[in-house]
Amino acid sequence: DAQGLIARLDGALAAETSKPHGASQFCSLVMHPNERGWAEADTVLTDAFASLGRIRREAKARLEDSAEPGLTATASILFFESPDPEERIAPEAGT
């Protein structure tokens, strides 16, 4: 859920866990796609998440065969329609 994700992100930032590995990703992009762009972005992100699932399974098998403790990591892909941050709601007259 979103609250759990935010809590894990907050904990990682507080513990500075991204520094030892140097490859953490914190990316965000506001975009304005048309229907085709929406579908293309959805496909790219769906494929990326499927790849993460494969990596997760393969890493689990490698860890079972080794004495390596592994890492705890969170991977999240978000893609949703949202309000435009550039648009401002005009104040009501007289306020």
PDB file of N, CA and C in Angstrom:
ATOM      1  N   ASP A   1       0.826  -1.182   0.000  1.00  0.00           N
ATOM      2  CA  ASP A   1       0.000   0.000   0.000  1.00  0.00           C
ATOM      3  C   ASP A   1       0.874   1.250   0.000  1.00  0.00           C
ATOM      4  N   ALA A   2       0.265   2.384  -0.328  1.00  0.00           N
ATOM      5  CA  ALA A   2       1.019   3.632  -0.468  1.00  0.00           C
ATOM      6  C   ALA A   2       1.666   4.065   0.843  1.00  0.00           C
ATOM      7  N   GLN A   3       0.969   3.906   1.967  1.00  0.00           N
ATOM      8  CA  GLN A   3       1.543   4.322   3.249  1.00  0.00           C
ATOM      9  C   GLN A   3       2.767   3.485   3.594  1.00  0.00           C
ATOM     10  N   GLY A   4       2.712   2.183   3.323  1.00  0.00           N
ATOM     11  CA  GLY A   4       3.864   1.315   3.575  1.00  0.00           C
ATOM     12  C   GLY A   4       5.048   1.697   2.707  1.00  0.00           C
ATOM     13  N   LEU A   5       4.774   2.034   1.452  1.00  0.00           N
ATOM     14  CA  LEU A   5       5.834   2.459   0.545  1.00  0.00           C
ATOM     15  C   LEU A   5       6.493   3.743   1.040  1.00  0.00           C
ATOM     16  N   ILE A   6       5.680   4.704   1.422  1.00  0.00           N
ATOM     17  CA  ILE A   6       6.219   5.978   1.930  1.00  0.00           C
ATOM     18  C   ILE A   6       7.020   5.739   3.211  1.00  0.00           C
ATOM     19  N   ALA A   7       6.551   4.860   4.074  1.00  0.00           N
ATOM     20  CA  ALA A   7       7.286   4.559   5.312  1.00  0.00           C
ATOM     21  C   ALA A   7       8.639   3.916   5.004  1.00  0.00           C
ATOM     22  N   ARG A   8       8.689   3.000   4.019  1.00  0.00           N
ATOM     23  CA  ARG A   8       9.965   2.381   3.642  1.00  0.00           C
ATOM     24  C   ARG A   8      10.908   3.404   3.027  1.00  0.00           C
ATOM     25  N   LEU A   9      10.374   4.295   2.202  1.00  0.00           N
ATOM     26  CA  LEU A   9      11.185   5.349   1.607  1.00  0.00           C
ATOM     27  C   LEU A   9      11.727   6.279   2.685  1.00  0.00           C
ATOM     28  N   ASP A  10      10.878   6.686   3.600  1.00  0.00           N
ATOM     29  CA  ASP A  10      11.292   7.566   4.694  1.00  0.00           C
ATOM     30  C   ASP A  10      12.378   6.896   5.535  1.00  0.00           C
ATOM     31  N   GLY A  11      12.195   5.617   5.844  1.00  0.00           N
ATOM     32  CA  GLY A  11      13.195   4.885   6.619  1.00  0.00           C
ATOM     33  C   GLY A  11      14.522   4.771   5.885  1.00  0.00           C
ATOM     34  N   ALA A  12      14.479   4.530   4.582  1.00  0.00           N
ATOM     35  CA  ALA A  12      15.711   4.422   3.791  1.00  0.00           C
ATOM     36  C   ALA A  12      16.451   5.755   3.740  1.00  0.00           C
ATOM     37  N   LEU A  13      15.715   6.840   3.576  1.00  0.00           N
ATOM     38  CA  LEU A  13      16.347   8.153   3.548  1.00  0.00           C
ATOM     39  C   LEU A  13      16.965   8.494   4.898  1.00  0.00           C
ATOM     40  N   ALA A  14      16.241   8.192   5.971  1.00  0.00           N
ATOM     41  CA  ALA A  14      16.754   8.477   7.314  1.00  0.00           C
ATOM     42  C   ALA A  14      18.000   7.647   7.624  1.00  0.00           C
ATOM     43  N   ALA A  15      18.018   6.390   7.179  1.00  0.00           N
ATOM     44  CA  ALA A  15      19.147   5.497   7.450  1.00  0.00           C
ATOM     45  C   ALA A  15      20.263   5.648   6.420  1.00  0.00           C
ATOM     46  N   GLU A  16      20.031   6.458   5.393  1.00  0.00           N
ATOM     47  CA  GLU A  16      21.002   6.673   4.316  1.00  0.00           C
ATOM     48  C   GLU A  16      21.466   5.351   3.704  1.00  0.00           C
ATOM     49  N   THR A  17      20.525   4.435   3.505  1.00  0.00           N
ATOM     50  CA  THR A  17      20.878   3.125   2.966  1.00  0.00           C
ATOM     51  C   THR A  17      21.273   3.166   1.499  1.00  0.00           C
ATOM     52  N   SER A  18      20.989   4.253   0.796  1.00  0.00           N
ATOM     53  CA  SER A  18      21.335   4.315  -0.626  1.00  0.00           C
ATOM     54  C   SER A  18      22.820   4.582  -0.838  1.00  0.00           C
ATOM     55  N   LYS A  19      23.502   5.116   0.151  1.00  0.00           N
ATOM     56  CA  LYS A  19      24.903   5.494  -0.031  1.00  0.00           C
ATOM     57  C   LYS A  19      25.860   4.322  -0.220  1.00  0.00           C
ATOM     58  N   PRO A  20      25.719   3.211   0.517  1.00  0.00           N
ATOM     59  CA  PRO A  20      26.708   2.143   0.351  1.00  0.00           C
ATOM     60  C   PRO A  20      26.737   1.525  -1.048  1.00  0.00           C
ATOM     61  N   HIS A  21      25.619   1.501  -1.734  1.00  0.00           N
ATOM     62  CA  HIS A  21      25.555   0.827  -3.028  1.00  0.00           C
ATOM     63  C   HIS A  21      25.630   1.800  -4.197  1.00  0.00           C
ATOM     64  N   GLY A  22      25.304   3.037  -3.972  1.00  0.00           N
ATOM     65  CA  GLY A  22      25.434   4.065  -4.982  1.00  0.00           C
ATOM     66  C   GLY A  22      24.560   3.897  -6.212  1.00  0.00           C
ATOM     67  N   ALA A  23      23.632   2.967  -6.210  1.00  0.00           N
ATOM     68  CA  ALA A  23      22.821   2.734  -7.397  1.00  0.00           C
ATOM     69  C   ALA A  23      21.335   2.860  -7.119  1.00  0.00           C
ATOM     70  N   SER A  24      20.968   3.494  -6.037  1.00  0.00           N
ATOM     71  CA  SER A  24      19.548   3.665  -5.742  1.00  0.00           C
ATOM     72  C   SER A  24      18.926   4.624  -6.748  1.00  0.00           C
ATOM     73  N   GLN A  25      17.674   4.397  -7.051  1.00  0.00           N
ATOM     74  CA  GLN A  25      16.955   5.225  -8.010  1.00  0.00           C
ATOM     75  C   GLN A  25      15.824   5.961  -7.305  1.00  0.00           C
ATOM     76  N   PHE A  26      15.817   7.269  -7.400  1.00  0.00           N
ATOM     77  CA  PHE A  26      14.716   8.091  -6.923  1.00  0.00           C
ATOM     78  C   PHE A  26      14.347   9.001  -8.089  1.00  0.00           C
ATOM     79  N   CYS A  27      13.421   8.565  -8.902  1.00  0.00           N
ATOM     80  CA  CYS A  27      13.073   9.282 -10.133  1.00  0.00           C
ATOM     81  C   CYS A  27      11.602   9.662 -10.121  1.00  0.00           C
ATOM     82  N   SER A  28      11.309  10.833 -10.636  1.00  0.00           N
ATOM     83  CA  SER A  28       9.935  11.276 -10.748  1.00  0.00           C
ATOM     84  C   SER A  28       9.825  12.165 -11.977  1.00  0.00           C
ATOM     85  N   LEU A  29       8.721  12.049 -12.673  1.00  0.00           N
ATOM     86  CA  LEU A  29       8.527  12.811 -13.895  1.00  0.00           C
ATOM     87  C   LEU A  29       7.051  13.126 -14.047  1.00  0.00           C
ATOM     88  N   VAL A  30       6.725  14.393 -14.201  1.00  0.00           N
ATOM     89  CA  VAL A  30       5.359  14.790 -14.542  1.00  0.00           C
ATOM     90  C   VAL A  30       5.315  14.871 -16.056  1.00  0.00           C
ATOM     91  N   MET A  31       4.341  14.212 -16.637  1.00  0.00           N
ATOM     92  CA  MET A  31       4.241  14.196 -18.095  1.00  0.00           C
ATOM     93  C   MET A  31       2.810  14.439 -18.529  1.00  0.00           C
ATOM     94  N   HIS A  32       2.627  14.748 -19.790  1.00  0.00           N
ATOM     95  CA  HIS A  32       1.314  15.025 -20.355  1.00  0.00           C
ATOM     96  C   HIS A  32       1.133  14.180 -21.617  1.00  0.00           C
ATOM     97  N   PRO A  33       0.960  12.854 -21.478  1.00  0.00           N
ATOM     98  CA  PRO A  33       0.845  12.007 -22.668  1.00  0.00           C
ATOM     99  C   PRO A  33      -0.553  12.042 -23.277  1.00  0.00           C
ATOM    100  N   ASN A  34      -0.592  11.759 -24.574  1.00  0.00           N
ATOM    101  CA  ASN A  34      -1.876  11.496 -25.198  1.00  0.00           C
ATOM    102  C   ASN A  34      -2.184  10.015 -24.965  1.00  0.00           C
ATOM    103  N   GLU A  35      -3.272   9.501 -25.536  1.00  0.00           N
ATOM    104  CA  GLU A  35      -3.641   8.100 -25.290  1.00  0.00           C
ATOM    105  C   GLU A  35      -2.547   7.128 -25.738  1.00  0.00           C
ATOM    106  N   ARG A  36      -1.934   7.397 -26.882  1.00  0.00           N
ATOM    107  CA  ARG A  36      -0.849   6.528 -27.363  1.00  0.00           C
ATOM    108  C   ARG A  36       0.339   6.568 -26.415  1.00  0.00           C
ATOM    109  N   GLY A  37       0.708   7.759 -25.967  1.00  0.00           N
ATOM    110  CA  GLY A  37       1.820   7.891 -25.023  1.00  0.00           C
ATOM    111  C   GLY A  37       1.530   7.186 -23.708  1.00  0.00           C
ATOM    112  N   TRP A  38       0.280   7.284 -23.249  1.00  0.00           N
ATOM    113  CA  TRP A  38      -0.125   6.596 -22.020  1.00  0.00           C
ATOM    114  C   TRP A  38       0.071   5.087 -22.176  1.00  0.00           C
ATOM    115  N   ALA A  39      -0.392   4.547 -23.296  1.00  0.00           N
ATOM    116  CA  ALA A  39      -0.281   3.102 -23.541  1.00  0.00           C
ATOM    117  C   ALA A  39       1.186   2.684 -23.649  1.00  0.00           C
ATOM    118  N   GLU A  40       2.001   3.486 -24.324  1.00  0.00           N
ATOM    119  CA  GLU A  40       3.424   3.165 -24.462  1.00  0.00           C
ATOM    120  C   GLU A  40       4.126   3.180 -23.104  1.00  0.00           C
ATOM    121  N   ALA A  41       3.853   4.192 -22.298  1.00  0.00           N
ATOM    122  CA  ALA A  41       4.462   4.269 -20.970  1.00  0.00           C
ATOM    123  C   ALA A  41       4.015   3.101 -20.103  1.00  0.00           C
ATOM    124  N   ASP A  42       2.740   2.750 -20.184  1.00  0.00           N
ATOM    125  CA  ASP A  42       2.223   1.620 -19.419  1.00  0.00           C
ATOM    126  C   ASP A  42       2.938   0.329 -19.812  1.00  0.00           C
ATOM    127  N   THR A  43       3.173   0.138 -21.094  1.00  0.00           N
ATOM    128  CA  THR A  43       3.870  -1.064 -21.566  1.00  0.00           C
ATOM    129  C   THR A  43       5.304  -1.110 -21.046  1.00  0.00           C
ATOM    130  N   VAL A  44       6.010   0.003 -21.133  1.00  0.00           N
ATOM    131  CA  VAL A  44       7.394   0.066 -20.655  1.00  0.00           C
ATOM    132  C   VAL A  44       7.459  -0.268 -19.161  1.00  0.00           C
ATOM    133  N   LEU A  45       6.572   0.323 -18.386  1.00  0.00           N
ATOM    134  CA  LEU A  45       6.601   0.109 -16.937  1.00  0.00           C
ATOM    135  C   LEU A  45       6.145  -1.303 -16.567  1.00  0.00           C
ATOM    136  N   THR A  46       5.182  -1.852 -17.287  1.00  0.00           N
ATOM    137  CA  THR A  46       4.762  -3.235 -17.058  1.00  0.00           C
ATOM    138  C   THR A  46       5.905  -4.192 -17.345  1.00  0.00           C
ATOM    139  N   ASP A  47       6.628  -3.961 -18.439  1.00  0.00           N
ATOM    140  CA  ASP A  47       7.782  -4.796 -18.776  1.00  0.00           C
ATOM    141  C   ASP A  47       8.890  -4.668 -17.720  1.00  0.00           C
ATOM    142  N   ALA A  48       9.122  -3.453 -17.253  1.00  0.00           N
ATOM    143  CA  ALA A  48      10.144  -3.238 -16.227  1.00  0.00           C
ATOM    144  C   ALA A  48       9.781  -3.990 -14.946  1.00  0.00           C
ATOM    145  N   PHE A  49       8.519  -3.941 -14.553  1.00  0.00           N
ATOM    146  CA  PHE A  49       8.121  -4.625 -13.324  1.00  0.00           C
ATOM    147  C   PHE A  49       8.212  -6.137 -13.490  1.00  0.00           C
ATOM    148  N   ALA A  50       7.893  -6.640 -14.677  1.00  0.00           N
ATOM    149  CA  ALA A  50       8.049  -8.078 -14.945  1.00  0.00           C
ATOM    150  C   ALA A  50       9.520  -8.468 -14.840  1.00  0.00           C
ATOM    151  N   SER A  51      10.404  -7.629 -15.346  1.00  0.00           N
ATOM    152  CA  SER A  51      11.841  -7.898 -15.230  1.00  0.00           C
ATOM    153  C   SER A  51      12.286  -7.921 -13.773  1.00  0.00           C
ATOM    154  N   LEU A  52      11.739  -7.015 -12.964  1.00  0.00           N
ATOM    155  CA  LEU A  52      12.073  -7.018 -11.540  1.00  0.00           C
ATOM    156  C   LEU A  52      11.619  -8.307 -10.873  1.00  0.00           C
ATOM    157  N   GLY A  53      10.464  -8.811 -11.271  1.00  0.00           N
ATOM    158  CA  GLY A  53       9.992 -10.088 -10.737  1.00  0.00           C
ATOM    159  C   GLY A  53      10.936 -11.227 -11.083  1.00  0.00           C
ATOM    160  N   ARG A  54      11.428 -11.242 -12.315  1.00  0.00           N
ATOM    161  CA  ARG A  54      12.394 -12.271 -12.738  1.00  0.00           C
ATOM    162  C   ARG A  54      13.682 -12.157 -11.931  1.00  0.00           C
ATOM    163  N   ILE A  55      14.179 -10.939 -11.766  1.00  0.00           N
ATOM    164  CA  ILE A  55      15.399 -10.712 -10.989  1.00  0.00           C
ATOM    165  C   ILE A  55      15.210 -11.186  -9.550  1.00  0.00           C
ATOM    166  N   ARG A  56      14.055 -10.898  -8.990  1.00  0.00           N
ATOM    167  CA  ARG A  56      13.741 -11.317  -7.617  1.00  0.00           C
ATOM    168  C   ARG A  56      13.799 -12.841  -7.482  1.00  0.00           C
ATOM    169  N   ARG A  57      13.176 -13.551  -8.421  1.00  0.00           N
ATOM    170  CA  ARG A  57      13.174 -15.022  -8.379  1.00  0.00           C
ATOM    171  C   ARG A  57      14.586 -15.591  -8.531  1.00  0.00           C
ATOM    172  N   GLU A  58      15.341 -15.048  -9.484  1.00  0.00           N
ATOM    173  CA  GLU A  58      16.697 -15.544  -9.720  1.00  0.00           C
ATOM    174  C   GLU A  58      17.614 -15.248  -8.531  1.00  0.00           C
ATOM    175  N   ALA A  59      17.467 -14.074  -7.936  1.00  0.00           N
ATOM    176  CA  ALA A  59      18.280 -13.723  -6.770  1.00  0.00           C
ATOM    177  C   ALA A  59      17.949 -14.625  -5.583  1.00  0.00           C
ATOM    178  N   LYS A  60      16.678 -14.917  -5.405  1.00  0.00           N
ATOM    179  CA  LYS A  60      16.272 -15.808  -4.312  1.00  0.00           C
ATOM    180  C   LYS A  60      16.932 -17.172  -4.478  1.00  0.00           C
ATOM    181  N   ALA A  61      16.944 -17.695  -5.688  1.00  0.00           N
ATOM    182  CA  ALA A  61      17.578 -18.999  -5.941  1.00  0.00           C
ATOM    183  C   ALA A  61      19.080 -18.931  -5.682  1.00  0.00           C
ATOM    184  N   ARG A  62      19.729 -17.857  -6.097  1.00  0.00           N
ATOM    185  CA  ARG A  62      21.178 -17.721  -5.845  1.00  0.00           C
ATOM    186  C   ARG A  62      21.470 -17.639  -4.351  1.00  0.00           C
ATOM    187  N   LEU A  63      20.634 -16.908  -3.624  1.00  0.00           N
ATOM    188  CA  LEU A  63      20.853 -16.762  -2.180  1.00  0.00           C
ATOM    189  C   LEU A  63      20.658 -18.100  -1.464  1.00  0.00           C
ATOM    190  N   GLU A  64      19.734 -18.904  -1.927  1.00  0.00           N
ATOM    191  CA  GLU A  64      19.513 -20.216  -1.315  1.00  0.00           C
ATOM    192  C   GLU A  64      20.720 -21.127  -1.500  1.00  0.00           C
ATOM    193  N   ASP A  65      21.502 -20.908  -2.561  1.00  0.00           N
ATOM    194  CA  ASP A  65      22.679 -21.725  -2.856  1.00  0.00           C
ATOM    195  C   ASP A  65      23.968 -21.144  -2.287  1.00  0.00           C
ATOM    196  N   SER A  66      23.889 -20.008  -1.596  1.00  0.00           N
ATOM    197  CA  SER A  66      25.107 -19.363  -1.091  1.00  0.00           C
ATOM    198  C   SER A  66      24.949 -18.995   0.383  1.00  0.00           C
ATOM    199  N   ALA A  67      26.029 -18.546   0.945  1.00  0.00           N
ATOM    200  CA  ALA A  67      25.999 -18.084   2.334  1.00  0.00           C
ATOM    201  C   ALA A  67      25.770 -16.568   2.394  1.00  0.00           C
ATOM    202  N   GLU A  68      25.620 -15.953   1.242  1.00  0.00           N
ATOM    203  CA  GLU A  68      25.423 -14.508   1.180  1.00  0.00           C
ATOM    204  C   GLU A  68      24.083 -14.134   1.823  1.00  0.00           C
ATOM    205  N   PRO A  69      24.066 -13.101   2.687  1.00  0.00           N
ATOM    206  CA  PRO A  69      22.813 -12.740   3.351  1.00  0.00           C
ATOM    207  C   PRO A  69      21.822 -12.011   2.445  1.00  0.00           C
ATOM    208  N   GLY A  70      22.301 -11.373   1.399  1.00  0.00           N
ATOM    209  CA  GLY A  70      21.420 -10.601   0.536  1.00  0.00           C
ATOM    210  C   GLY A  70      21.071  -9.255   1.156  1.00  0.00           C
ATOM    211  N   LEU A  71      20.306  -8.492   0.442  1.00  0.00           N
ATOM    212  CA  LEU A  71      19.897  -7.153   0.870  1.00  0.00           C
ATOM    213  C   LEU A  71      18.384  -7.095   0.924  1.00  0.00           C
ATOM    214  N   THR A  72      17.862  -6.166   1.683  1.00  0.00           N
ATOM    215  CA  THR A  72      16.434  -5.871   1.631  1.00  0.00           C
ATOM    216  C   THR A  72      16.287  -4.635   0.765  1.00  0.00           C
ATOM    217  N   ALA A  73      15.496  -4.740  -0.274  1.00  0.00           N
ATOM    218  CA  ALA A  73      15.317  -3.625  -1.207  1.00  0.00           C
ATOM    219  C   ALA A  73      13.836  -3.482  -1.538  1.00  0.00           C
ATOM    220  N   THR A  74      13.445  -2.286  -1.861  1.00  0.00           N
ATOM    221  CA  THR A  74      12.080  -2.005  -2.288  1.00  0.00           C
ATOM    222  C   THR A  74      12.131  -1.464  -3.706  1.00  0.00           C
ATOM    223  N   ALA A  75      11.377  -2.076  -4.588  1.00  0.00           N
ATOM    224  CA  ALA A  75      11.249  -1.588  -5.961  1.00  0.00           C
ATOM    225  C   ALA A  75       9.786  -1.230  -6.177  1.00  0.00           C
ATOM    226  N   SER A  76       9.551  -0.051  -6.660  1.00  0.00           N
ATOM    227  CA  SER A  76       8.186   0.413  -6.856  1.00  0.00           C
ATOM    228  C   SER A  76       8.109   1.190  -8.158  1.00  0.00           C
ATOM    229  N   ILE A  77       7.071   0.942  -8.918  1.00  0.00           N
ATOM    230  CA  ILE A  77       6.832   1.693 -10.140  1.00  0.00           C
ATOM    231  C   ILE A  77       5.447   2.305 -10.011  1.00  0.00           C
ATOM    232  N   LEU A  78       5.383   3.604 -10.105  1.00  0.00           N
ATOM    233  CA  LEU A  78       4.114   4.312  -9.999  1.00  0.00           C
ATOM    234  C   LEU A  78       3.810   4.984 -11.330  1.00  0.00           C
ATOM    235  N   PHE A  79       2.587   4.866 -11.788  1.00  0.00           N
ATOM    236  CA  PHE A  79       2.151   5.545 -13.009  1.00  0.00           C
ATOM    237  C   PHE A  79       0.666   5.776 -12.866  1.00  0.00           C
ATOM    238  N   PHE A  80       0.267   7.007 -12.708  1.00  0.00           N
ATOM    239  CA  PHE A  80      -1.139   7.306 -12.463  1.00  0.00           C
ATOM    240  C   PHE A  80      -1.476   8.704 -12.951  1.00  0.00           C
ATOM    241  N   GLU A  81      -2.744   8.886 -13.290  1.00  0.00           N
ATOM    242  CA  GLU A  81      -3.197  10.213 -13.664  1.00  0.00           C
ATOM    243  C   GLU A  81      -3.261  11.063 -12.405  1.00  0.00           C
ATOM    244  N   SER A  82      -2.790  12.281 -12.512  1.00  0.00           N
ATOM    245  CA  SER A  82      -2.731  13.147 -11.337  1.00  0.00           C
ATOM    246  C   SER A  82      -3.054  14.589 -11.722  1.00  0.00           C
ATOM    247  N   PRO A  83      -3.396  15.400 -10.732  1.00  0.00           N
ATOM    248  CA  PRO A  83      -3.641  16.816 -11.028  1.00  0.00           C
ATOM    249  C   PRO A  83      -2.357  17.471 -11.539  1.00  0.00           C
ATOM    250  N   ASP A  84      -2.496  18.416 -12.426  1.00  0.00           N
ATOM    251  CA  ASP A  84      -1.363  19.140 -12.972  1.00  0.00           C
ATOM    252  C   ASP A  84      -0.806  20.080 -11.899  1.00  0.00           C
ATOM    253  N   PRO A  85       0.464  19.918 -11.517  1.00  0.00           N
ATOM    254  CA  PRO A  85       1.020  20.784 -10.465  1.00  0.00           C
ATOM    255  C   PRO A  85       1.146  22.239 -10.911  1.00  0.00           C
ATOM    256  N   GLU A  86       1.093  22.485 -12.206  1.00  0.00           N
ATOM    257  CA  GLU A  86       1.200  23.855 -12.717  1.00  0.00           C
ATOM    258  C   GLU A  86      -0.117  24.618 -12.643  1.00  0.00           C
ATOM    259  N   GLU A  87      -1.213  23.864 -12.554  1.00  0.00           N
ATOM    260  CA  GLU A  87      -2.511  24.526 -12.507  1.00  0.00           C
ATOM    261  C   GLU A  87      -2.804  24.960 -11.082  1.00  0.00           C
ATOM    262  N   ARG A  88      -3.250  26.163 -10.945  1.00  0.00           N
ATOM    263  CA  ARG A  88      -3.621  26.695  -9.639  1.00  0.00           C
ATOM    264  C   ARG A  88      -5.128  26.900  -9.617  1.00  0.00           C
ATOM    265  N   ILE A  89      -5.745  26.556  -8.516  1.00  0.00           N
ATOM    266  CA  ILE A  89      -7.175  26.798  -8.374  1.00  0.00           C
ATOM    267  C   ILE A  89      -7.364  28.251  -7.984  1.00  0.00           C
ATOM    268  N   ALA A  90      -8.120  28.970  -8.775  1.00  0.00           N
ATOM    269  CA  ALA A  90      -8.351  30.384  -8.505  1.00  0.00           C
ATOM    270  C   ALA A  90      -9.153  30.546  -7.225  1.00  0.00           C
ATOM    271  N   PRO A  91      -8.740  31.490  -6.378  1.00  0.00           N
ATOM    272  CA  PRO A  91      -9.520  31.717  -5.151  1.00  0.00           C
ATOM    273  C   PRO A  91     -10.904  32.246  -5.499  1.00  0.00           C
ATOM    274  N   GLU A  92     -11.856  31.886  -4.653  1.00  0.00           N
ATOM    275  CA  GLU A  92     -13.239  32.349  -4.862  1.00  0.00           C
ATOM    276  C   GLU A  92     -13.292  33.850  -4.693  1.00  0.00           C
ATOM    277  N   ALA A  93     -14.193  34.489  -5.427  1.00  0.00           N
ATOM    278  CA  ALA A  93     -14.350  35.933  -5.333  1.00  0.00           C
ATOM    279  C   ALA A  93     -14.723  36.328  -3.908  1.00  0.00           C
ATOM    280  N   GLY A  94     -14.078  37.367  -3.416  1.00  0.00           N
ATOM    281  CA  GLY A  94     -14.388  37.881  -2.090  1.00  0.00           C
ATOM    282  C   GLY A  94     -13.641  37.215  -0.972  1.00  0.00           C
ATOM    283  N   THR A  95     -12.720  36.287  -1.282  1.00  0.00           N
ATOM    284  CA  THR A  95     -11.950  35.644  -0.195  1.00  0.00           C
ATOM    285  C   THR A  95     -10.528  36.098  -0.219  1.00  0.00           C
TER     286      THR A  95
END
